[in-house]
């Protein structure tokens, strides 16, 4: 693919806490968004662009499907079980083959289906940071996931298949006769490899988990202090439609709310830290995870607040205490 086109102790924690435990939130005050289509249905966003809400009970992420002149681009490989469902669903909207699959990051619910897609003839693509993250955390997480997820075990590999192609310069451009596709990396937020897919003509942005719409933020591999800067980079694009990694699609308000949430976390925890408070005065920790917190989020960010909020507070406190992103503490420099 040319650079410009013309045409664990942590694995189980990852699998469970990543996007299941944090999703069990009390009914929050929702951000304005398009009415959510049922999970597992391709919803038209624009001509040749569809959004698929993932099956939360199976741990699946959301997907976007983008039509190109000679094939389809799928955003995120999903878990293997999710990949199989998406493969069937795309047949209902196009008879073109899936040519590209873009991994927005390395987590299992976004990348563990890679081998299924390449076996079906697609090329997997990601920002180089995704491959680097795979080198940090695999094969441990894959092997742990294989113990609890039959779909992972049935792939028949000992580890996650990394993306077949990567890029380091951003934006990475695909100039197809049908539409221009831009792949962006704005820095370390959810993971070191966070990638975005932007369609400038349609003003559509697929965000992976750097931006979610709901209480789905997992900060274990993250850089909470830098997260608002990454979202700000995305907000600089001309965007009308936001397709998040989890939660219903929406508009610019999803970007604004995600940034406001992490701005609040960083400010509130930072003020307590600078005031000399001890961590146990701010967050109660059990089994190494935040369980409750004295920090009260304002109504405007409650859409992003769920059972995982105390852990997000603990993570930010740890970053301040250690002087480095939590992902660097967990996964090494």
C-alpha atoms as a PDB file:
ATOM      1  CA  UNK A   1       0.000   0.000   0.000  1.00  0.00           C
ATOM      2  CA  UNK A   2       1.607   3.287  -1.098  1.00  0.00           C
ATOM      3  CA  UNK A   3       1.673   6.175   1.282  1.00  0.00           C
ATOM      4  CA  UNK A   4      -0.511   8.289  -1.031  1.00  0.00           C
ATOM      5  CA  UNK A   5      -2.971   6.616  -3.349  1.00  0.00           C
ATOM      6  CA  UNK A   6      -4.368   7.588  -6.612  1.00  0.00           C
ATOM      7  CA  UNK A   7      -7.517   5.834  -7.509  1.00  0.00           C
ATOM      8  CA  UNK A   8      -2.382 -10.945  31.102  1.00  0.00           C
ATOM      9  CA  UNK A   9      -2.359 -10.478  34.588  1.00  0.00           C
ATOM     10  CA  UNK A  10      -3.789  -8.089  32.312  1.00  0.00           C
ATOM     11  CA  UNK A  11      -5.502 -10.203  29.679  1.00  0.00           C
ATOM     12  CA  UNK A  12      -8.533 -11.136  31.734  1.00  0.00           C
ATOM     13  CA  UNK A  13      -8.640  -7.625  33.137  1.00  0.00           C
ATOM     14  CA  UNK A  14      -8.485  -6.434  29.565  1.00  0.00           C
ATOM     15  CA  UNK A  15     -11.252  -8.727  28.392  1.00  0.00           C
ATOM     16  CA  UNK A  16     -13.528  -8.029  31.317  1.00  0.00           C
ATOM     17  CA  UNK A  17     -12.748  -4.541  32.535  1.00  0.00           C
ATOM     18  CA  UNK A  18     -12.031  -3.181  29.106  1.00  0.00           C
ATOM     19  CA  UNK A  19     -15.544  -2.837  27.865  1.00  0.00           C
ATOM     20  CA  UNK A  20     -17.793  -4.981  29.982  1.00  0.00           C
ATOM     21  CA  UNK A  21     -17.366  -3.901  33.597  1.00  0.00           C
ATOM     22  CA  UNK A  22     -17.191  -0.254  32.613  1.00  0.00           C
ATOM     23  CA  UNK A  23     -20.333  -0.590  30.562  1.00  0.00           C
ATOM     24  CA  UNK A  24     -22.508  -1.623  33.487  1.00  0.00           C
ATOM     25  CA  UNK A  25     -23.391   1.955  34.277  1.00  0.00           C
ATOM     26  CA  UNK A  26     -26.457   3.412  35.899  1.00  0.00           C
ATOM     27  CA  UNK A  27     -28.768   5.107  33.425  1.00  0.00           C
ATOM     28  CA  UNK A  28     -26.756   8.239  32.608  1.00  0.00           C
ATOM     29  CA  UNK A  29     -27.751  11.571  31.228  1.00  0.00           C
ATOM     30  CA  UNK A  30     -27.229  10.882  27.541  1.00  0.00           C
ATOM     31  CA  UNK A  31     -25.502  13.214  25.151  1.00  0.00           C
ATOM     32  CA  UNK A  32     -27.538  14.252  22.124  1.00  0.00           C
ATOM     33  CA  UNK A  33     -27.057  11.650  19.421  1.00  0.00           C
ATOM     34  CA  UNK A  34     -28.728   9.993  16.495  1.00  0.00           C
ATOM     35  CA  UNK A  35     -31.320   7.476  17.585  1.00  0.00           C
ATOM     36  CA  UNK A  36     -29.426   4.229  18.041  1.00  0.00           C
ATOM     37  CA  UNK A  37     -30.126   1.461  15.579  1.00  0.00           C
ATOM     38  CA  UNK A  38     -30.348  -2.052  17.015  1.00  0.00           C
ATOM     39  CA  UNK A  39     -27.030  -3.822  17.545  1.00  0.00           C
ATOM     40  CA  UNK A  40     -25.948  -5.904  14.603  1.00  0.00           C
ATOM     41  CA  UNK A  41     -27.597  -3.836  11.879  1.00  0.00           C
ATOM     42  CA  UNK A  42     -25.785  -1.781   9.271  1.00  0.00           C
ATOM     43  CA  UNK A  43     -27.148   1.751   9.492  1.00  0.00           C
ATOM     44  CA  UNK A  44     -26.610   4.069   6.539  1.00  0.00           C
ATOM     45  CA  UNK A  45     -24.731   7.240   7.472  1.00  0.00           C
ATOM     46  CA  UNK A  46     -24.091   8.530   3.946  1.00  0.00           C
ATOM     47  CA  UNK A  47     -24.023   7.063   0.461  1.00  0.00           C
ATOM     48  CA  UNK A  48     -21.656   4.119   0.667  1.00  0.00           C
ATOM     49  CA  UNK A  49     -20.965   4.497   4.395  1.00  0.00           C
ATOM     50  CA  UNK A  50     -22.571   2.388   7.118  1.00  0.00           C
ATOM     51  CA  UNK A  51     -22.311   2.133  10.900  1.00  0.00           C
ATOM     52  CA  UNK A  52     -22.797  -1.076  12.853  1.00  0.00           C
ATOM     53  CA  UNK A  53     -23.473  -0.993  16.595  1.00  0.00           C
ATOM     54  CA  UNK A  54     -21.676  -3.918  18.218  1.00  0.00           C
ATOM     55  CA  UNK A  55     -23.304  -6.601  20.337  1.00  0.00           C
ATOM     56  CA  UNK A  56     -22.389  -5.519  23.863  1.00  0.00           C
ATOM     57  CA  UNK A  57     -23.339  -8.884  25.406  1.00  0.00           C
ATOM     58  CA  UNK A  58     -20.668 -10.518  23.240  1.00  0.00           C
ATOM     59  CA  UNK A  59     -18.046  -7.852  23.853  1.00  0.00           C
ATOM     60  CA  UNK A  60     -18.105  -6.665  20.257  1.00  0.00           C
ATOM     61  CA  UNK A  61     -17.010  -3.209  19.208  1.00  0.00           C
ATOM     62  CA  UNK A  62     -18.757  -0.988  16.701  1.00  0.00           C
ATOM     63  CA  UNK A  63     -17.756  -1.125  13.049  1.00  0.00           C
ATOM     64  CA  UNK A  64     -17.915   1.221  10.101  1.00  0.00           C
ATOM     65  CA  UNK A  65     -18.096  -0.001   6.509  1.00  0.00           C
ATOM     66  CA  UNK A  66     -16.914   2.312   3.734  1.00  0.00           C
ATOM     67  CA  UNK A  67     -17.413   1.627   0.047  1.00  0.00           C
ATOM     68  CA  UNK A  68     -14.453   2.170  -2.291  1.00  0.00           C
ATOM     69  CA  UNK A  69     -14.342   1.829  -6.063  1.00  0.00           C
ATOM     70  CA  UNK A  70     -13.130  -1.767  -6.044  1.00  0.00           C
ATOM     71  CA  UNK A  71     -13.968  -3.003  -2.572  1.00  0.00           C
ATOM     72  CA  UNK A  72     -14.915  -2.162   0.993  1.00  0.00           C
ATOM     73  CA  UNK A  73     -12.987  -0.768   3.944  1.00  0.00           C
ATOM     74  CA  UNK A  74     -14.070  -2.071   7.355  1.00  0.00           C
ATOM     75  CA  UNK A  75     -13.078  -0.095  10.435  1.00  0.00           C
ATOM     76  CA  UNK A  76     -11.938  -2.528  13.148  1.00  0.00           C
ATOM     77  CA  UNK A  77     -11.501  -6.283  12.906  1.00  0.00           C
ATOM     78  CA  UNK A  78     -13.604  -6.899  16.049  1.00  0.00           C
ATOM     79  CA  UNK A  79     -13.412 -10.119  18.052  1.00  0.00           C
ATOM     80  CA  UNK A  80     -13.496 -13.215  15.795  1.00  0.00           C
ATOM     81  CA  UNK A  81     -17.209 -13.758  16.517  1.00  0.00           C
ATOM     82  CA  UNK A  82     -17.909 -10.135  15.640  1.00  0.00           C
ATOM     83  CA  UNK A  83     -15.833 -10.400  12.475  1.00  0.00           C
ATOM     84  CA  UNK A  84     -17.957 -13.308  11.273  1.00  0.00           C
ATOM     85  CA  UNK A  85     -21.148 -11.335  11.824  1.00  0.00           C
ATOM     86  CA  UNK A  86     -19.809  -8.279  10.025  1.00  0.00           C
ATOM     87  CA  UNK A  87     -18.700 -10.431   7.100  1.00  0.00           C
ATOM     88  CA  UNK A  88     -22.257 -11.612   6.671  1.00  0.00           C
ATOM     89  CA  UNK A  89     -23.798  -8.198   7.191  1.00  0.00           C
ATOM     90  CA  UNK A  90     -21.725  -6.454   4.521  1.00  0.00           C
ATOM     91  CA  UNK A  91     -23.221  -8.811   1.952  1.00  0.00           C
ATOM     92  CA  UNK A  92     -26.605  -7.164   2.570  1.00  0.00           C
ATOM     93  CA  UNK A  93     -25.356  -3.746   1.424  1.00  0.00           C
ATOM     94  CA  UNK A  94     -22.720  -4.508  -1.216  1.00  0.00           C
ATOM     95  CA  UNK A  95     -21.457  -7.301  -3.420  1.00  0.00           C
ATOM     96  CA  UNK A  96     -17.945  -5.851  -3.321  1.00  0.00           C
ATOM     97  CA  UNK A  97     -15.274  -7.734  -1.359  1.00  0.00           C
ATOM     98  CA  UNK A  98     -13.752  -6.366   1.825  1.00  0.00           C
ATOM     99  CA  UNK A  99     -10.389  -5.078   0.631  1.00  0.00           C
ATOM    100  CA  UNK A 100      -9.086  -3.300   3.727  1.00  0.00           C
ATOM    101  CA  UNK A 101      -9.623  -3.675   7.488  1.00  0.00           C
ATOM    102  CA  UNK A 102      -8.283  -0.851   9.650  1.00  0.00           C
ATOM    103  CA  UNK A 103      -7.380  -1.597  13.275  1.00  0.00           C
ATOM    104  CA  UNK A 104      -7.964   1.554  15.313  1.00  0.00           C
ATOM    105  CA  UNK A 105      -5.950  -0.033  18.147  1.00  0.00           C
ATOM    106  CA  UNK A 106      -4.648  -3.349  19.465  1.00  0.00           C
ATOM    107  CA  UNK A 107      -7.347  -4.400  21.948  1.00  0.00           C
ATOM    108  CA  UNK A 108      -9.038  -7.724  21.414  1.00  0.00           C
ATOM    109  CA  UNK A 109     -12.487  -6.399  20.634  1.00  0.00           C
ATOM    110  CA  UNK A 110     -10.976  -4.324  17.819  1.00  0.00           C
ATOM    111  CA  UNK A 111      -8.148  -6.509  16.471  1.00  0.00           C
ATOM    112  CA  UNK A 112      -8.510 -10.162  17.462  1.00  0.00           C
ATOM    113  CA  UNK A 113     -10.462 -10.863  14.282  1.00  0.00           C
ATOM    114  CA  UNK A 114      -7.506  -9.901  12.065  1.00  0.00           C
ATOM    115  CA  UNK A 115      -6.683 -13.434  10.928  1.00  0.00           C
ATOM    116  CA  UNK A 116     -10.256 -14.076   9.810  1.00  0.00           C
ATOM    117  CA  UNK A 117     -10.204 -11.030   7.585  1.00  0.00           C
ATOM    118  CA  UNK A 118      -6.845 -11.815   5.998  1.00  0.00           C
ATOM    119  CA  UNK A 119      -7.917 -15.399   5.401  1.00  0.00           C
ATOM    120  CA  UNK A 120     -10.902 -13.958   3.547  1.00  0.00           C
ATOM    121  CA  UNK A 121      -8.604 -11.899   1.315  1.00  0.00           C
ATOM    122  CA  UNK A 122      -8.503  -8.503   3.041  1.00  0.00           C
ATOM    123  CA  UNK A 123      -5.386  -6.547   4.019  1.00  0.00           C
ATOM    124  CA  UNK A 124      -5.237  -5.357   7.623  1.00  0.00           C
ATOM    125  CA  UNK A 125      -3.842  -1.863   8.172  1.00  0.00           C
ATOM    126  CA  UNK A 126      -2.977   0.220  11.235  1.00  0.00           C
ATOM    127  CA  UNK A 127      -0.851   3.026  12.567  1.00  0.00           C
ATOM    128  CA  UNK A 128       2.582   1.648  13.493  1.00  0.00           C
ATOM    129  CA  UNK A 129       1.839   2.186  17.190  1.00  0.00           C
ATOM    130  CA  UNK A 130      -0.717  -0.625  17.040  1.00  0.00           C
ATOM    131  CA  UNK A 131       1.952  -3.137  16.030  1.00  0.00           C
ATOM    132  CA  UNK A 132       4.212  -1.791  18.767  1.00  0.00           C
ATOM    133  CA  UNK A 133       1.478  -2.243  21.376  1.00  0.00           C
ATOM    134  CA  UNK A 134       0.943  -5.813  20.195  1.00  0.00           C
ATOM    135  CA  UNK A 135       4.641  -6.403  20.834  1.00  0.00           C
ATOM    136  CA  UNK A 136       4.220  -5.148  24.409  1.00  0.00           C
ATOM    137  CA  UNK A 137       1.139  -7.123  25.413  1.00  0.00           C
ATOM    138  CA  UNK A 138       1.029 -10.245  23.283  1.00  0.00           C
ATOM    139  CA  UNK A 139       0.917 -13.205  23.267  1.00  0.00           C
ATOM    140  CA  UNK A 140      -0.144 -13.012  26.930  1.00  0.00           C
ATOM    141  CA  UNK A 141      -3.503 -11.333  26.433  1.00  0.00           C
ATOM    142  CA  UNK A 142      -4.409 -13.530  23.476  1.00  0.00           C
ATOM    143  CA  UNK A 143      -3.646 -16.679  25.423  1.00  0.00           C
ATOM    144  CA  UNK A 144      -5.651 -15.508  28.429  1.00  0.00           C
ATOM    145  CA  UNK A 145      -8.581 -14.534  26.192  1.00  0.00           C
ATOM    146  CA  UNK A 146      -8.443 -17.977  24.569  1.00  0.00           C
ATOM    147  CA  UNK A 147      -9.307 -19.503  27.940  1.00  0.00           C
ATOM    148  CA  UNK A 148     -12.573 -17.580  28.248  1.00  0.00           C
ATOM    149  CA  UNK A 149     -13.536 -16.852  24.628  1.00  0.00           C
ATOM    150  CA  UNK A 150     -14.103 -19.869  22.360  1.00  0.00           C
ATOM    151  CA  UNK A 151     -14.090 -17.592  19.307  1.00  0.00           C
ATOM    152  CA  UNK A 152     -10.483 -16.588  20.052  1.00  0.00           C
ATOM    153  CA  UNK A 153      -9.393 -20.177  20.716  1.00  0.00           C
ATOM    154  CA  UNK A 154     -11.030 -21.345  17.477  1.00  0.00           C
ATOM    155  CA  UNK A 155      -8.830 -19.038  15.378  1.00  0.00           C
ATOM    156  CA  UNK A 156      -6.119 -21.627  15.917  1.00  0.00           C
ATOM    157  CA  UNK A 157      -3.230 -19.234  16.523  1.00  0.00           C
ATOM    158  CA  UNK A 158      -0.951 -18.745  19.510  1.00  0.00           C
ATOM    159  CA  UNK A 159      -1.187 -14.962  19.349  1.00  0.00           C
ATOM    160  CA  UNK A 160      -2.870 -12.034  17.672  1.00  0.00           C
ATOM    161  CA  UNK A 161      -2.046 -11.672  14.005  1.00  0.00           C
ATOM    162  CA  UNK A 162      -0.564  -8.146  13.662  1.00  0.00           C
ATOM    163  CA  UNK A 163      -1.712  -5.794  10.903  1.00  0.00           C
ATOM    164  CA  UNK A 164      -0.202  -6.723   7.554  1.00  0.00           C
ATOM    165  CA  UNK A 165       0.579  -3.092   6.721  1.00  0.00           C
ATOM    166  CA  UNK A 166       1.381  -0.119   8.931  1.00  0.00           C
ATOM    167  CA  UNK A 167       2.088   3.564   8.434  1.00  0.00           C
ATOM    168  CA  UNK A 168       4.006   6.059  10.533  1.00  0.00           C
ATOM    169  CA  UNK A 169       3.368   9.376   8.781  1.00  0.00           C
ATOM    170  CA  UNK A 170      -0.001  10.922   9.543  1.00  0.00           C
ATOM    171  CA  UNK A 171      -2.366  11.552   7.921  1.00  0.00           C
ATOM    172  CA  UNK A 172      -2.058   8.497   5.717  1.00  0.00           C
ATOM    173  CA  UNK A 173      -4.113   9.066   2.571  1.00  0.00           C
ATOM    174  CA  UNK A 174      -6.098   6.740   0.371  1.00  0.00           C
ATOM    175  CA  UNK A 175      -7.282   8.675  -2.676  1.00  0.00           C
ATOM    176  CA  UNK A 176      -9.822   6.348  -4.244  1.00  0.00           C
ATOM    177  CA  UNK A 177     -11.873   7.316  -7.333  1.00  0.00           C
ATOM    178  CA  UNK A 178     -15.005   7.022  -5.193  1.00  0.00           C
ATOM    179  CA  UNK A 179     -13.856   8.930  -2.106  1.00  0.00           C
ATOM    180  CA  UNK A 180     -10.851  10.204  -0.166  1.00  0.00           C
ATOM    181  CA  UNK A 181     -10.048   8.376   3.065  1.00  0.00           C
ATOM    182  CA  UNK A 182      -7.672   9.798   5.668  1.00  0.00           C
ATOM    183  CA  UNK A 183      -6.115   7.792   8.505  1.00  0.00           C
ATOM    184  CA  UNK A 184      -5.045   9.989  11.419  1.00  0.00           C
ATOM    185  CA  UNK A 185      -3.046   9.518  14.605  1.00  0.00           C
ATOM    186  CA  UNK A 186      -3.302  12.425  17.052  1.00  0.00           C
ATOM    187  CA  UNK A 187      -1.261  10.919  19.891  1.00  0.00           C
ATOM    188  CA  UNK A 188      -1.609   8.630  22.895  1.00  0.00           C
ATOM    189  CA  UNK A 189      -5.061   8.567  24.510  1.00  0.00           C
ATOM    190  CA  UNK A 190      -6.759   5.154  24.896  1.00  0.00           C
ATOM    191  CA  UNK A 191      -3.614   3.426  23.576  1.00  0.00           C
ATOM    192  CA  UNK A 192      -0.328   4.452  21.995  1.00  0.00           C
ATOM    193  CA  UNK A 193      -1.635   3.373  18.614  1.00  0.00           C
ATOM    194  CA  UNK A 194      -4.982   5.192  18.446  1.00  0.00           C
ATOM    195  CA  UNK A 195      -6.095   5.646  14.853  1.00  0.00           C
ATOM    196  CA  UNK A 196      -8.987   7.612  13.359  1.00  0.00           C
ATOM    197  CA  UNK A 197     -10.624   7.254   9.930  1.00  0.00           C
ATOM    198  CA  UNK A 198     -11.828  10.503   8.394  1.00  0.00           C
ATOM    199  CA  UNK A 199     -13.915  11.029   5.278  1.00  0.00           C
ATOM    200  CA  UNK A 200     -13.529  14.749   4.500  1.00  0.00           C
ATOM    201  CA  UNK A 201     -16.184  14.945   1.789  1.00  0.00           C
ATOM    202  CA  UNK A 202     -18.790  13.263   3.974  1.00  0.00           C
ATOM    203  CA  UNK A 203     -17.502  14.872   7.218  1.00  0.00           C
ATOM    204  CA  UNK A 204     -17.514  11.473   8.908  1.00  0.00           C
ATOM    205  CA  UNK A 205     -15.046  10.447  11.620  1.00  0.00           C
ATOM    206  CA  UNK A 206     -14.627   6.899  12.977  1.00  0.00           C
ATOM    207  CA  UNK A 207     -12.794   7.166  16.274  1.00  0.00           C
ATOM    208  CA  UNK A 208     -12.120   3.746  17.739  1.00  0.00           C
ATOM    209  CA  UNK A 209     -12.000   3.966  21.527  1.00  0.00           C
ATOM    210  CA  UNK A 210     -10.192   7.291  21.694  1.00  0.00           C
ATOM    211  CA  UNK A 211     -13.765   8.618  21.596  1.00  0.00           C
ATOM    212  CA  UNK A 212     -16.737   6.628  22.876  1.00  0.00           C
ATOM    213  CA  UNK A 213     -20.351   7.595  23.482  1.00  0.00           C
ATOM    214  CA  UNK A 214     -21.189   6.318  26.937  1.00  0.00           C
ATOM    215  CA  UNK A 215     -19.501   4.796  29.983  1.00  0.00           C
ATOM    216  CA  UNK A 216     -17.049   2.714  27.973  1.00  0.00           C
ATOM    217  CA  UNK A 217     -13.690   4.375  28.658  1.00  0.00           C
ATOM    218  CA  UNK A 218     -10.907   1.945  29.542  1.00  0.00           C
ATOM    219  CA  UNK A 219      -7.819   3.754  30.814  1.00  0.00           C
ATOM    220  CA  UNK A 220      -5.528   0.829  31.640  1.00  0.00           C
ATOM    221  CA  UNK A 221      -3.301   1.232  28.580  1.00  0.00           C
ATOM    222  CA  UNK A 222      -4.004   4.924  28.327  1.00  0.00           C
ATOM    223  CA  UNK A 223      -2.518   8.345  28.777  1.00  0.00           C
ATOM    224  CA  UNK A 224      -5.298  10.111  30.627  1.00  0.00           C
ATOM    225  CA  UNK A 225      -3.370  13.347  30.911  1.00  0.00           C
ATOM    226  CA  UNK A 226      -2.984  13.581  27.132  1.00  0.00           C
ATOM    227  CA  UNK A 227      -6.398  12.219  26.200  1.00  0.00           C
ATOM    228  CA  UNK A 228      -8.096  15.646  25.856  1.00  0.00           C
ATOM    229  CA  UNK A 229      -5.332  16.768  23.487  1.00  0.00           C
ATOM    230  CA  UNK A 230      -5.981  13.803  21.224  1.00  0.00           C
ATOM    231  CA  UNK A 231      -9.700  14.548  21.126  1.00  0.00           C
ATOM    232  CA  UNK A 232      -8.918  18.195  20.435  1.00  0.00           C
ATOM    233  CA  UNK A 233      -6.906  17.081  17.413  1.00  0.00           C
ATOM    234  CA  UNK A 234      -9.935  15.208  16.126  1.00  0.00           C
ATOM    235  CA  UNK A 235     -12.162  18.207  16.830  1.00  0.00           C
ATOM    236  CA  UNK A 236     -10.019  20.329  14.523  1.00  0.00           C
ATOM    237  CA  UNK A 237     -11.359  18.309  11.591  1.00  0.00           C
ATOM    238  CA  UNK A 238     -14.575  19.357   9.880  1.00  0.00           C
ATOM    239  CA  UNK A 239     -16.881  16.708  11.338  1.00  0.00           C
ATOM    240  CA  UNK A 240     -20.640  16.249  11.318  1.00  0.00           C
ATOM    241  CA  UNK A 241     -20.921  12.512  11.986  1.00  0.00           C
ATOM    242  CA  UNK A 242     -18.993  10.706  14.741  1.00  0.00           C
ATOM    243  CA  UNK A 243     -18.835   6.901  14.699  1.00  0.00           C
ATOM    244  CA  UNK A 244     -17.426   5.888  18.100  1.00  0.00           C
ATOM    245  CA  UNK A 245     -15.810   2.594  19.039  1.00  0.00           C
ATOM    246  CA  UNK A 246     -18.623   1.932  21.535  1.00  0.00           C
ATOM    247  CA  UNK A 247     -22.008   3.517  22.029  1.00  0.00           C
ATOM    248  CA  UNK A 248     -24.399   5.049  19.481  1.00  0.00           C
ATOM    249  CA  UNK A 249     -23.218   7.298  16.695  1.00  0.00           C
ATOM    250  CA  UNK A 250     -23.720  11.022  17.003  1.00  0.00           C
ATOM    251  CA  UNK A 251     -22.354  14.381  15.993  1.00  0.00           C
ATOM    252  CA  UNK A 252     -19.669  16.767  17.212  1.00  0.00           C
ATOM    253  CA  UNK A 253     -21.230  16.726  20.667  1.00  0.00           C
ATOM    254  CA  UNK A 254     -19.756  13.244  21.175  1.00  0.00           C
ATOM    255  CA  UNK A 255     -16.258  14.647  20.666  1.00  0.00           C
ATOM    256  CA  UNK A 256     -17.035  17.616  22.898  1.00  0.00           C
ATOM    257  CA  UNK A 257     -18.416  15.416  25.660  1.00  0.00           C
ATOM    258  CA  UNK A 258     -15.525  12.968  25.570  1.00  0.00           C
ATOM    259  CA  UNK A 259     -13.031  15.826  25.862  1.00  0.00           C
ATOM    260  CA  UNK A 260     -15.032  17.477  28.647  1.00  0.00           C
ATOM    261  CA  UNK A 261     -15.068  14.208  30.590  1.00  0.00           C
ATOM    262  CA  UNK A 262     -11.298  13.823  30.605  1.00  0.00           C
ATOM    263  CA  UNK A 263     -10.778  17.537  31.162  1.00  0.00           C
ATOM    264  CA  UNK A 264     -12.904  17.149  34.293  1.00  0.00           C
ATOM    265  CA  UNK A 265     -11.102  14.011  35.510  1.00  0.00           C
ATOM    266  CA  UNK A 266      -7.696  15.609  35.015  1.00  0.00           C
ATOM    267  CA  UNK A 267      -8.710  18.851  36.711  1.00  0.00           C
ATOM    268  CA  UNK A 268     -10.507  17.290  39.683  1.00  0.00           C
ATOM    269  CA  UNK A 269      -7.830  14.708  40.422  1.00  0.00           C
ATOM    270  CA  UNK A 270      -5.074  17.231  39.806  1.00  0.00           C
ATOM    271  CA  UNK A 271      -6.539  19.692  42.285  1.00  0.00           C
ATOM    272  CA  UNK A 272      -6.813  17.017  44.967  1.00  0.00           C
ATOM    273  CA  UNK A 273      -3.281  15.812  44.272  1.00  0.00           C
ATOM    274  CA  UNK A 274      -1.830  19.335  44.362  1.00  0.00           C
ATOM    275  CA  UNK A 275      -3.673  20.018  47.619  1.00  0.00           C
ATOM    276  CA  UNK A 276      -1.643  17.264  49.252  1.00  0.00           C
ATOM    277  CA  UNK A 277      -4.471  14.807  49.750  1.00  0.00           C
ATOM    278  CA  UNK A 278      -3.676  11.113  49.988  1.00  0.00           C
ATOM    279  CA  UNK A 279      -5.068   8.786  47.365  1.00  0.00           C
ATOM    280  CA  UNK A 280      -7.284   6.957  49.860  1.00  0.00           C
ATOM    281  CA  UNK A 281      -8.971  10.274  50.657  1.00  0.00           C
ATOM    282  CA  UNK A 282     -10.084  10.510  47.042  1.00  0.00           C
ATOM    283  CA  UNK A 283     -10.558   6.934  45.850  1.00  0.00           C
ATOM    284  CA  UNK A 284     -11.069   3.635  47.654  1.00  0.00           C
ATOM    285  CA  UNK A 285      -8.976   0.862  46.136  1.00  0.00           C
ATOM    286  CA  UNK A 286      -9.596  -2.873  46.423  1.00  0.00           C
ATOM    287  CA  UNK A 287      -7.718  -5.597  44.571  1.00  0.00           C
ATOM    288  CA  UNK A 288      -5.695  -2.921  42.848  1.00  0.00           C
ATOM    289  CA  UNK A 289      -8.708  -1.151  41.328  1.00  0.00           C
ATOM    290  CA  UNK A 290     -10.696   1.914  42.219  1.00  0.00           C
ATOM    291  CA  UNK A 291     -14.033   0.967  43.777  1.00  0.00           C
ATOM    292  CA  UNK A 292     -15.476   4.284  44.954  1.00  0.00           C
ATOM    293  CA  UNK A 293     -14.517   7.950  44.853  1.00  0.00           C
ATOM    294  CA  UNK A 294     -15.385  11.197  46.546  1.00  0.00           C
ATOM    295  CA  UNK A 295     -15.162  13.051  43.248  1.00  0.00           C
ATOM    296  CA  UNK A 296     -18.584  13.998  41.925  1.00  0.00           C
ATOM    297  CA  UNK A 297     -18.827  14.515  38.164  1.00  0.00           C
ATOM    298  CA  UNK A 298     -21.043  17.302  36.813  1.00  0.00           C
ATOM    299  CA  UNK A 299     -24.192  16.538  34.870  1.00  0.00           C
ATOM    300  CA  UNK A 300     -22.695  17.495  31.515  1.00  0.00           C
ATOM    301  CA  UNK A 301     -20.258  14.549  31.562  1.00  0.00           C
ATOM    302  CA  UNK A 302     -22.456  11.916  33.194  1.00  0.00           C
ATOM    303  CA  UNK A 303     -22.992  10.186  29.860  1.00  0.00           C
ATOM    304  CA  UNK A 304     -19.388   8.979  30.203  1.00  0.00           C
ATOM    305  CA  UNK A 305     -19.599   8.050  33.908  1.00  0.00           C
ATOM    306  CA  UNK A 306     -20.253   4.479  34.948  1.00  0.00           C
ATOM    307  CA  UNK A 307     -19.026   1.833  37.358  1.00  0.00           C
ATOM    308  CA  UNK A 308     -15.512   2.294  35.992  1.00  0.00           C
ATOM    309  CA  UNK A 309     -15.286   5.938  37.095  1.00  0.00           C
ATOM    310  CA  UNK A 310     -13.446   5.267  40.403  1.00  0.00           C
ATOM    311  CA  UNK A 311     -10.849   3.271  38.477  1.00  0.00           C
ATOM    312  CA  UNK A 312     -10.419   6.155  36.038  1.00  0.00           C
ATOM    313  CA  UNK A 313      -9.800   8.427  39.043  1.00  0.00           C
ATOM    314  CA  UNK A 314      -7.259   5.943  40.428  1.00  0.00           C
ATOM    315  CA  UNK A 315      -5.500   5.731  37.080  1.00  0.00           C
ATOM    316  CA  UNK A 316      -5.138   9.494  36.808  1.00  0.00           C
ATOM    317  CA  UNK A 317      -3.894   9.725  40.400  1.00  0.00           C
ATOM    318  CA  UNK A 318      -1.314   7.025  39.640  1.00  0.00           C
ATOM    319  CA  UNK A 319      -0.158   8.925  36.557  1.00  0.00           C
ATOM    320  CA  UNK A 320       0.432  12.034  38.649  1.00  0.00           C
ATOM    321  CA  UNK A 321       2.206  10.083  41.381  1.00  0.00           C
ATOM    322  CA  UNK A 322       4.418   8.168  38.954  1.00  0.00           C
ATOM    323  CA  UNK A 323       4.960  11.009  36.515  1.00  0.00           C
ATOM    324  CA  UNK A 324       4.141   8.898  33.475  1.00  0.00           C
ATOM    325  CA  UNK A 325       1.097   7.615  31.548  1.00  0.00           C
ATOM    326  CA  UNK A 326      -0.657   4.632  33.080  1.00  0.00           C
ATOM    327  CA  UNK A 327       0.017   2.590  29.957  1.00  0.00           C
ATOM    328  CA  UNK A 328       3.740   3.099  30.492  1.00  0.00           C
ATOM    329  CA  UNK A 329       3.381   1.870  34.077  1.00  0.00           C
ATOM    330  CA  UNK A 330       1.379  -1.180  33.032  1.00  0.00           C
ATOM    331  CA  UNK A 331       3.132  -2.054  29.791  1.00  0.00           C
ATOM    332  CA  UNK A 332       6.596  -0.615  30.213  1.00  0.00           C
ATOM    333  CA  UNK A 333       8.174   2.317  28.454  1.00  0.00           C
END
